[in-house]
Amino acid sequence: MTLRQELEAEQVRHLDLQGYCLVESGTTVRQTLDRMRAEGGRTALITQNGELAGVFTERDVLRRVAGEPHALEGPVDAVMTPRPITVLPDTSAADALWLMDDHHFRNLPVIDRQGHILGDMTYTAIIQYLAARYPVEVLNRPSRPEQYPSKPEGGD
């Protein structure tokens, strides 16, 4: 089976969809950042009445907050990406990956048919999947394969 076939057969629900936190709409940007830091996530999924209302990422911080310090005290709603594109848990990893690539985003919320948030798909989730499926090929590659030592190890 080719890599493409594997990604087409694998459902998003089987990937690691962690690495996010849930934040209620109306929360300040500062509180949202504190929550993201505390929970070790890089993404905040913003909810309103229990449903997904938006996404706030590290990239949003750089684009919309870093140059506007007053934005820290405003609501996260003002700087989030509203109404994000989402996928269902039975979406293929390949389709989700193409969707992310086509729209140039790094986070893809996964929700069920009732609108419940199940997670956040990222490129890291795909890399972890590939590392688990192909550990020798992925984990044993040197970080710079073209680089060679100038002299043998242990030589003078």
N, C-alpha and C. Protein backbone atom coordinates (compact mmCIF):
# COMPACT_ATOMS: atom_id res chain seq x y z
N MET A 1 0.84 -1.17 0.00
CA MET A 1 0.00 0.00 0.00
C MET A 1 0.90 1.25 0.00
N THR A 2 0.59 2.18 -0.85
CA THR A 2 1.39 3.41 -0.93
C THR A 2 1.01 4.35 0.22
N LEU A 3 1.85 5.32 0.45
CA LEU A 3 1.59 6.31 1.48
C LEU A 3 0.28 7.03 1.20
N ARG A 4 0.07 7.38 -0.04
CA ARG A 4 -1.17 8.07 -0.42
C ARG A 4 -2.39 7.21 -0.10
N GLN A 5 -2.31 5.93 -0.43
CA GLN A 5 -3.42 5.02 -0.14
C GLN A 5 -3.66 4.89 1.36
N GLU A 6 -2.58 4.87 2.13
CA GLU A 6 -2.73 4.79 3.58
C GLU A 6 -3.41 6.03 4.14
N LEU A 7 -3.00 7.20 3.68
CA LEU A 7 -3.62 8.44 4.16
C LEU A 7 -5.07 8.55 3.70
N GLU A 8 -5.39 7.99 2.54
CA GLU A 8 -6.77 8.00 2.07
C GLU A 8 -7.63 7.03 2.88
N ALA A 9 -7.03 5.96 3.37
CA ALA A 9 -7.76 4.96 4.15
C ALA A 9 -7.88 5.36 5.63
N GLU A 10 -6.94 6.13 6.12
CA GLU A 10 -6.93 6.50 7.54
C GLU A 10 -7.90 7.63 7.81
N GLN A 11 -8.73 7.47 8.84
CA GLN A 11 -9.68 8.51 9.21
C GLN A 11 -9.04 9.48 10.19
N VAL A 12 -9.48 10.72 10.12
CA VAL A 12 -8.96 11.77 10.99
C VAL A 12 -9.13 11.39 12.46
N ARG A 13 -10.19 10.69 12.81
CA ARG A 13 -10.47 10.32 14.20
C ARG A 13 -9.34 9.52 14.83
N HIS A 14 -8.52 8.86 14.02
CA HIS A 14 -7.44 8.02 14.54
C HIS A 14 -6.12 8.78 14.73
N LEU A 15 -6.11 10.03 14.37
CA LEU A 15 -4.91 10.85 14.54
C LEU A 15 -4.92 11.48 15.94
N ASP A 16 -3.77 12.00 16.36
CA ASP A 16 -3.69 12.72 17.62
C ASP A 16 -4.28 14.10 17.41
N LEU A 17 -5.43 14.34 17.99
CA LEU A 17 -6.15 15.60 17.80
C LEU A 17 -6.04 16.50 19.02
N GLN A 18 -5.07 16.24 19.87
CA GLN A 18 -4.87 17.03 21.11
C GLN A 18 -4.08 18.29 20.79
N GLY A 19 -3.67 19.00 21.82
CA GLY A 19 -2.84 20.19 21.62
C GLY A 19 -3.64 21.46 21.45
N TYR A 20 -4.84 21.49 21.97
CA TYR A 20 -5.67 22.68 21.90
C TYR A 20 -6.35 22.87 23.25
N CYS A 21 -6.91 24.04 23.44
CA CYS A 21 -7.73 24.27 24.63
C CYS A 21 -9.04 24.91 24.18
N LEU A 22 -10.05 24.76 24.99
CA LEU A 22 -11.35 25.37 24.71
C LEU A 22 -11.47 26.66 25.50
N VAL A 23 -11.90 27.72 24.85
CA VAL A 23 -12.05 29.03 25.47
C VAL A 23 -13.41 29.58 25.06
N GLU A 24 -14.12 30.11 26.04
CA GLU A 24 -15.45 30.66 25.77
C GLU A 24 -15.34 32.02 25.07
N SER A 25 -16.21 32.26 24.13
CA SER A 25 -16.30 33.54 23.43
C SER A 25 -16.42 34.66 24.47
N GLY A 26 -15.75 35.78 24.21
CA GLY A 26 -15.79 36.91 25.12
C GLY A 26 -14.61 36.95 26.07
N THR A 27 -13.86 35.87 26.16
CA THR A 27 -12.66 35.84 27.00
C THR A 27 -11.64 36.80 26.42
N THR A 28 -10.87 37.48 27.26
CA THR A 28 -9.87 38.40 26.74
C THR A 28 -8.75 37.63 26.07
N VAL A 29 -8.05 38.32 25.19
CA VAL A 29 -6.90 37.71 24.51
C VAL A 29 -5.85 37.31 25.55
N ARG A 30 -5.60 38.15 26.54
CA ARG A 30 -4.62 37.83 27.58
C ARG A 30 -4.99 36.54 28.31
N GLN A 31 -6.26 36.42 28.70
CA GLN A 31 -6.71 35.20 29.40
C GLN A 31 -6.60 33.98 28.48
N THR A 32 -6.89 34.17 27.22
CA THR A 32 -6.79 33.08 26.26
C THR A 32 -5.34 32.62 26.13
N LEU A 33 -4.42 33.57 26.03
CA LEU A 33 -3.00 33.22 25.94
C LEU A 33 -2.52 32.51 27.21
N ASP A 34 -2.98 32.98 28.37
CA ASP A 34 -2.63 32.31 29.63
C ASP A 34 -3.13 30.87 29.63
N ARG A 35 -4.32 30.68 29.16
CA ARG A 35 -4.92 29.33 29.10
C ARG A 35 -4.15 28.44 28.12
N MET A 36 -3.79 28.99 26.97
CA MET A 36 -3.02 28.23 25.98
C MET A 36 -1.68 27.80 26.59
N ARG A 37 -1.00 28.72 27.26
CA ARG A 37 0.28 28.43 27.90
C ARG A 37 0.12 27.35 28.96
N ALA A 38 -0.87 27.51 29.82
CA ALA A 38 -1.10 26.59 30.93
C ALA A 38 -1.40 25.17 30.45
N GLU A 39 -2.12 25.06 29.36
CA GLU A 39 -2.51 23.74 28.86
C GLU A 39 -1.56 23.21 27.79
N GLY A 40 -0.50 23.97 27.51
CA GLY A 40 0.50 23.51 26.55
C GLY A 40 0.01 23.42 25.13
N GLY A 41 -1.06 24.10 24.83
CA GLY A 41 -1.60 24.07 23.48
C GLY A 41 -1.14 25.23 22.64
N ARG A 42 -1.19 25.06 21.37
CA ARG A 42 -0.82 26.13 20.45
C ARG A 42 -2.04 26.75 19.81
N THR A 43 -3.19 26.16 20.13
CA THR A 43 -4.43 26.59 19.51
C THR A 43 -5.53 26.67 20.55
N ALA A 44 -6.35 27.70 20.43
CA ALA A 44 -7.55 27.80 21.26
C ALA A 44 -8.75 27.69 20.33
N LEU A 45 -9.61 26.75 20.63
CA LEU A 45 -10.87 26.65 19.90
C LEU A 45 -11.88 27.45 20.71
N ILE A 46 -12.44 28.47 20.09
CA ILE A 46 -13.34 29.39 20.76
C ILE A 46 -14.77 28.88 20.61
N THR A 47 -15.45 28.76 21.75
CA THR A 47 -16.81 28.23 21.74
C THR A 47 -17.82 29.30 22.14
N GLN A 48 -19.01 29.13 21.67
CA GLN A 48 -20.12 29.99 22.06
C GLN A 48 -21.32 29.09 22.24
N ASN A 49 -21.84 29.04 23.45
CA ASN A 49 -22.95 28.14 23.78
C ASN A 49 -22.62 26.69 23.43
N GLY A 50 -21.37 26.31 23.66
CA GLY A 50 -20.95 24.93 23.43
C GLY A 50 -20.60 24.57 22.00
N GLU A 51 -20.75 25.49 21.08
CA GLU A 51 -20.45 25.22 19.68
C GLU A 51 -19.21 26.00 19.24
N LEU A 52 -18.52 25.47 18.26
CA LEU A 52 -17.32 26.12 17.75
C LEU A 52 -17.66 27.44 17.07
N ALA A 53 -17.02 28.51 17.54
CA ALA A 53 -17.26 29.84 16.96
C ALA A 53 -16.04 30.35 16.21
N GLY A 54 -14.84 29.87 16.60
CA GLY A 54 -13.64 30.36 15.96
C GLY A 54 -12.40 29.63 16.42
N VAL A 55 -11.28 30.00 15.81
CA VAL A 55 -9.98 29.42 16.13
C VAL A 55 -9.02 30.57 16.36
N PHE A 56 -8.19 30.42 17.41
CA PHE A 56 -7.17 31.41 17.72
C PHE A 56 -5.85 30.66 17.88
N THR A 57 -4.85 31.04 17.07
CA THR A 57 -3.59 30.31 17.04
C THR A 57 -2.41 31.24 17.32
N GLU A 58 -1.24 30.62 17.45
CA GLU A 58 -0.01 31.40 17.60
C GLU A 58 0.18 32.35 16.42
N ARG A 59 -0.22 31.92 15.26
CA ARG A 59 -0.11 32.76 14.07
C ARG A 59 -0.98 34.02 14.19
N ASP A 60 -2.17 33.87 14.79
CA ASP A 60 -3.04 35.03 15.03
C ASP A 60 -2.38 36.01 15.99
N VAL A 61 -1.67 35.47 16.97
CA VAL A 61 -0.96 36.33 17.92
C VAL A 61 0.05 37.19 17.16
N LEU A 62 0.81 36.57 16.28
CA LEU A 62 1.83 37.31 15.53
C LEU A 62 1.21 38.31 14.55
N ARG A 63 0.16 37.92 13.89
CA ARG A 63 -0.45 38.77 12.87
C ARG A 63 -1.33 39.88 13.44
N ARG A 64 -2.09 39.57 14.50
CA ARG A 64 -3.14 40.49 14.93
C ARG A 64 -2.96 41.07 16.32
N VAL A 65 -2.03 40.53 17.10
CA VAL A 65 -1.89 41.00 18.48
C VAL A 65 -0.53 41.62 18.75
N ALA A 66 0.53 41.06 18.21
CA ALA A 66 1.90 41.50 18.54
C ALA A 66 2.10 43.00 18.33
N GLY A 67 1.60 43.55 17.29
CA GLY A 67 1.77 44.98 17.03
C GLY A 67 0.68 45.85 17.63
N GLU A 68 -0.26 45.24 18.31
CA GLU A 68 -1.41 45.94 18.89
C GLU A 68 -1.56 45.55 20.36
N PRO A 69 -0.69 46.04 21.24
CA PRO A 69 -0.73 45.62 22.64
C PRO A 69 -2.08 45.83 23.33
N HIS A 70 -2.85 46.83 22.89
CA HIS A 70 -4.16 47.06 23.49
C HIS A 70 -5.12 45.90 23.20
N ALA A 71 -4.83 45.12 22.17
CA ALA A 71 -5.69 43.98 21.82
C ALA A 71 -5.70 42.91 22.90
N LEU A 72 -4.67 42.90 23.75
CA LEU A 72 -4.60 41.90 24.82
C LEU A 72 -5.79 41.98 25.78
N GLU A 73 -6.31 43.17 25.97
CA GLU A 73 -7.42 43.34 26.90
C GLU A 73 -8.79 43.22 26.21
N GLY A 74 -8.78 43.10 24.91
CA GLY A 74 -10.03 42.95 24.17
C GLY A 74 -10.45 41.49 24.09
N PRO A 75 -11.64 41.24 23.59
CA PRO A 75 -12.12 39.86 23.46
C PRO A 75 -11.38 39.11 22.36
N VAL A 76 -11.17 37.84 22.60
CA VAL A 76 -10.49 37.00 21.62
C VAL A 76 -11.27 36.95 20.31
N ASP A 77 -12.56 37.17 20.39
CA ASP A 77 -13.42 37.16 19.20
C ASP A 77 -12.96 38.16 18.14
N ALA A 78 -12.34 39.26 18.59
CA ALA A 78 -11.90 40.30 17.67
C ALA A 78 -10.68 39.90 16.85
N VAL A 79 -9.92 38.91 17.31
CA VAL A 79 -8.69 38.53 16.62
C VAL A 79 -8.66 37.07 16.20
N MET A 80 -9.71 36.33 16.48
CA MET A 80 -9.77 34.92 16.09
C MET A 80 -10.18 34.81 14.62
N THR A 81 -10.06 33.61 14.10
CA THR A 81 -10.60 33.30 12.77
C THR A 81 -12.02 32.77 13.01
N PRO A 82 -13.04 33.53 12.61
CA PRO A 82 -14.41 33.09 12.87
C PRO A 82 -14.87 32.02 11.89
N ARG A 83 -15.84 31.24 12.33
CA ARG A 83 -16.47 30.21 11.50
C ARG A 83 -15.45 29.40 10.69
N PRO A 84 -14.54 28.73 11.37
CA PRO A 84 -13.51 27.99 10.64
C PRO A 84 -14.08 26.80 9.88
N ILE A 85 -13.37 26.42 8.85
CA ILE A 85 -13.70 25.21 8.13
C ILE A 85 -13.42 24.05 9.08
N THR A 86 -14.28 23.05 9.08
CA THR A 86 -14.12 21.88 9.94
C THR A 86 -14.26 20.61 9.12
N VAL A 87 -13.89 19.50 9.73
CA VAL A 87 -14.10 18.20 9.11
C VAL A 87 -14.75 17.26 10.12
N LEU A 88 -15.36 16.23 9.60
CA LEU A 88 -15.96 15.18 10.43
C LEU A 88 -14.89 14.14 10.78
N PRO A 89 -15.09 13.39 11.83
CA PRO A 89 -14.08 12.41 12.25
C PRO A 89 -13.84 11.29 11.24
N ASP A 90 -14.80 11.03 10.36
CA ASP A 90 -14.59 9.97 9.37
C ASP A 90 -13.98 10.48 8.06
N THR A 91 -13.60 11.76 8.03
CA THR A 91 -12.89 12.32 6.88
C THR A 91 -11.54 11.63 6.76
N SER A 92 -11.11 11.35 5.55
CA SER A 92 -9.80 10.72 5.39
C SER A 92 -8.70 11.72 5.72
N ALA A 93 -7.60 11.21 6.24
CA ALA A 93 -6.46 12.06 6.56
C ALA A 93 -5.96 12.77 5.30
N ALA A 94 -6.02 12.09 4.17
CA ALA A 94 -5.57 12.69 2.91
C ALA A 94 -6.45 13.88 2.54
N ASP A 95 -7.78 13.72 2.64
CA ASP A 95 -8.68 14.82 2.30
C ASP A 95 -8.48 16.00 3.23
N ALA A 96 -8.31 15.73 4.52
CA ALA A 96 -8.08 16.80 5.49
C ALA A 96 -6.77 17.52 5.19
N LEU A 97 -5.75 16.76 4.86
CA LEU A 97 -4.45 17.34 4.56
C LEU A 97 -4.52 18.22 3.31
N TRP A 98 -5.22 17.76 2.27
CA TRP A 98 -5.38 18.57 1.06
C TRP A 98 -6.17 19.83 1.35
N LEU A 99 -7.17 19.72 2.20
CA LEU A 99 -7.97 20.89 2.57
C LEU A 99 -7.10 21.93 3.27
N MET A 100 -6.27 21.47 4.20
CA MET A 100 -5.37 22.37 4.91
C MET A 100 -4.39 23.03 3.94
N ASP A 101 -3.87 22.26 3.02
CA ASP A 101 -2.92 22.78 2.05
C ASP A 101 -3.58 23.78 1.10
N ASP A 102 -4.76 23.44 0.61
CA ASP A 102 -5.48 24.33 -0.32
C ASP A 102 -5.83 25.67 0.30
N HIS A 103 -6.18 25.67 1.58
CA HIS A 103 -6.62 26.90 2.25
C HIS A 103 -5.51 27.57 3.07
N HIS A 104 -4.33 26.97 3.07
CA HIS A 104 -3.17 27.54 3.76
C HIS A 104 -3.39 27.76 5.25
N PHE A 105 -3.98 26.76 5.92
CA PHE A 105 -4.05 26.87 7.37
C PHE A 105 -3.46 25.63 8.01
N ARG A 106 -3.10 25.78 9.29
CA ARG A 106 -2.36 24.74 10.00
C ARG A 106 -3.20 24.00 11.02
N ASN A 107 -4.42 24.45 11.24
CA ASN A 107 -5.31 23.84 12.22
C ASN A 107 -6.65 23.56 11.56
N LEU A 108 -7.15 22.37 11.80
CA LEU A 108 -8.42 21.97 11.20
C LEU A 108 -9.26 21.31 12.30
N PRO A 109 -10.22 22.06 12.86
CA PRO A 109 -11.05 21.48 13.91
C PRO A 109 -11.85 20.29 13.40
N VAL A 110 -11.98 19.30 14.27
CA VAL A 110 -12.74 18.09 13.96
C VAL A 110 -13.97 18.10 14.85
N ILE A 111 -15.14 18.07 14.23
CA ILE A 111 -16.39 18.06 15.00
C ILE A 111 -17.26 16.91 14.50
N ASP A 112 -18.14 16.41 15.39
CA ASP A 112 -19.03 15.35 14.97
C ASP A 112 -20.29 15.95 14.35
N ARG A 113 -21.18 15.10 13.93
CA ARG A 113 -22.39 15.57 13.23
C ARG A 113 -23.32 16.39 14.12
N GLN A 114 -23.17 16.25 15.43
CA GLN A 114 -23.98 17.03 16.37
C GLN A 114 -23.31 18.37 16.72
N GLY A 115 -22.11 18.61 16.18
CA GLY A 115 -21.41 19.86 16.43
C GLY A 115 -20.48 19.84 17.62
N HIS A 116 -20.28 18.66 18.25
CA HIS A 116 -19.37 18.55 19.38
C HIS A 116 -17.92 18.56 18.88
N ILE A 117 -17.09 19.31 19.57
CA ILE A 117 -15.68 19.40 19.20
C ILE A 117 -14.96 18.15 19.66
N LEU A 118 -14.28 17.50 18.72
CA LEU A 118 -13.53 16.28 19.02
C LEU A 118 -12.03 16.51 19.05
N GLY A 119 -11.57 17.57 18.40
CA GLY A 119 -10.14 17.83 18.40
C GLY A 119 -9.73 18.82 17.34
N ASP A 120 -8.42 18.88 17.15
CA ASP A 120 -7.82 19.81 16.20
C ASP A 120 -6.74 19.08 15.43
N MET A 121 -6.96 18.88 14.15
CA MET A 121 -5.95 18.22 13.32
C MET A 121 -4.89 19.22 12.91
N THR A 122 -3.64 18.78 12.99
CA THR A 122 -2.50 19.62 12.61
C THR A 122 -1.54 18.80 11.75
N TYR A 123 -0.58 19.49 11.17
CA TYR A 123 0.46 18.79 10.42
C TYR A 123 1.25 17.88 11.35
N THR A 124 1.40 18.30 12.60
CA THR A 124 2.11 17.48 13.58
C THR A 124 1.42 16.13 13.76
N ALA A 125 0.09 16.12 13.72
CA ALA A 125 -0.65 14.86 13.84
C ALA A 125 -0.30 13.91 12.69
N ILE A 126 -0.13 14.46 11.49
CA ILE A 126 0.24 13.64 10.34
C ILE A 126 1.67 13.12 10.51
N ILE A 127 2.57 13.97 10.95
CA ILE A 127 3.96 13.57 11.14
C ILE A 127 4.04 12.47 12.20
N GLN A 128 3.29 12.62 13.30
CA GLN A 128 3.28 11.58 14.33
C GLN A 128 2.72 10.27 13.79
N TYR A 129 1.69 10.35 12.98
CA TYR A 129 1.12 9.16 12.36
C TYR A 129 2.17 8.46 11.49
N LEU A 130 2.86 9.25 10.67
CA LEU A 130 3.89 8.67 9.79
C LEU A 130 5.05 8.09 10.58
N ALA A 131 5.44 8.77 11.65
CA ALA A 131 6.54 8.27 12.49
C ALA A 131 6.15 6.95 13.15
N ALA A 132 4.90 6.80 13.53
CA ALA A 132 4.44 5.55 14.13
C ALA A 132 4.35 4.43 13.09
N ARG A 133 3.96 4.76 11.88
CA ARG A 133 3.82 3.75 10.81
C ARG A 133 5.17 3.37 10.20
N TYR A 134 6.08 4.32 10.11
CA TYR A 134 7.38 4.11 9.48
C TYR A 134 8.50 4.57 10.40
N PRO A 135 8.64 3.97 11.57
CA PRO A 135 9.62 4.49 12.54
C PRO A 135 11.06 4.47 12.04
N VAL A 136 11.44 3.44 11.33
CA VAL A 136 12.82 3.36 10.86
C VAL A 136 13.11 4.47 9.86
N GLU A 137 12.21 4.66 8.91
CA GLU A 137 12.41 5.66 7.87
C GLU A 137 12.34 7.09 8.40
N VAL A 138 11.44 7.33 9.37
CA VAL A 138 11.24 8.69 9.86
C VAL A 138 12.19 9.03 11.01
N LEU A 139 12.29 8.14 11.97
CA LEU A 139 13.04 8.45 13.18
C LEU A 139 14.54 8.23 13.06
N ASN A 140 15.00 7.46 12.10
CA ASN A 140 16.43 7.19 11.97
C ASN A 140 17.11 8.04 10.91
N ARG A 141 16.39 8.98 10.36
CA ARG A 141 17.00 9.85 9.35
C ARG A 141 17.82 10.92 10.06
N PRO A 142 19.02 11.16 9.59
CA PRO A 142 19.79 12.26 10.18
C PRO A 142 19.11 13.59 9.87
N SER A 143 19.26 14.56 10.76
CA SER A 143 18.60 15.85 10.55
C SER A 143 19.08 16.54 9.28
N ARG A 144 20.37 16.32 8.93
CA ARG A 144 20.92 16.87 7.69
C ARG A 144 21.65 15.74 6.96
N PRO A 145 20.97 14.96 6.16
CA PRO A 145 21.59 13.79 5.54
C PRO A 145 22.75 14.10 4.60
N GLU A 146 22.82 15.32 4.09
CA GLU A 146 23.90 15.68 3.17
C GLU A 146 25.19 16.05 3.91
N GLN A 147 25.12 16.19 5.22
CA GLN A 147 26.28 16.61 6.01
C GLN A 147 27.08 15.38 6.47
N TYR A 148 28.39 15.43 6.26
CA TYR A 148 29.28 14.36 6.69
C TYR A 148 30.35 14.93 7.60
N PRO A 149 30.85 14.13 8.54
CA PRO A 149 31.93 14.62 9.41
C PRO A 149 33.19 14.85 8.57
N SER A 150 33.98 15.86 8.97
CA SER A 150 35.19 16.17 8.22
C SER A 150 36.30 15.16 8.48
N LYS A 151 36.26 14.46 9.60
CA LYS A 151 37.23 13.41 9.89
C LYS A 151 36.52 12.30 10.63
N PRO A 152 37.07 11.10 10.60
CA PRO A 152 36.42 9.97 11.28
C PRO A 152 36.30 10.23 12.78
N GLU A 153 35.23 9.70 13.35
CA GLU A 153 35.00 9.86 14.78
C GLU A 153 36.13 9.21 15.56
N GLY A 154 36.62 9.89 16.57
CA GLY A 154 37.70 9.36 17.40
C GLY A 154 39.08 9.62 16.81
N GLY A 155 39.14 10.19 15.61
CA GLY A 155 40.43 10.48 14.98
C GLY A 155 41.03 11.78 15.49
N ASP A 156 42.33 11.92 15.34
CA ASP A 156 43.02 13.14 15.78
C ASP A 156 42.99 14.22 14.76
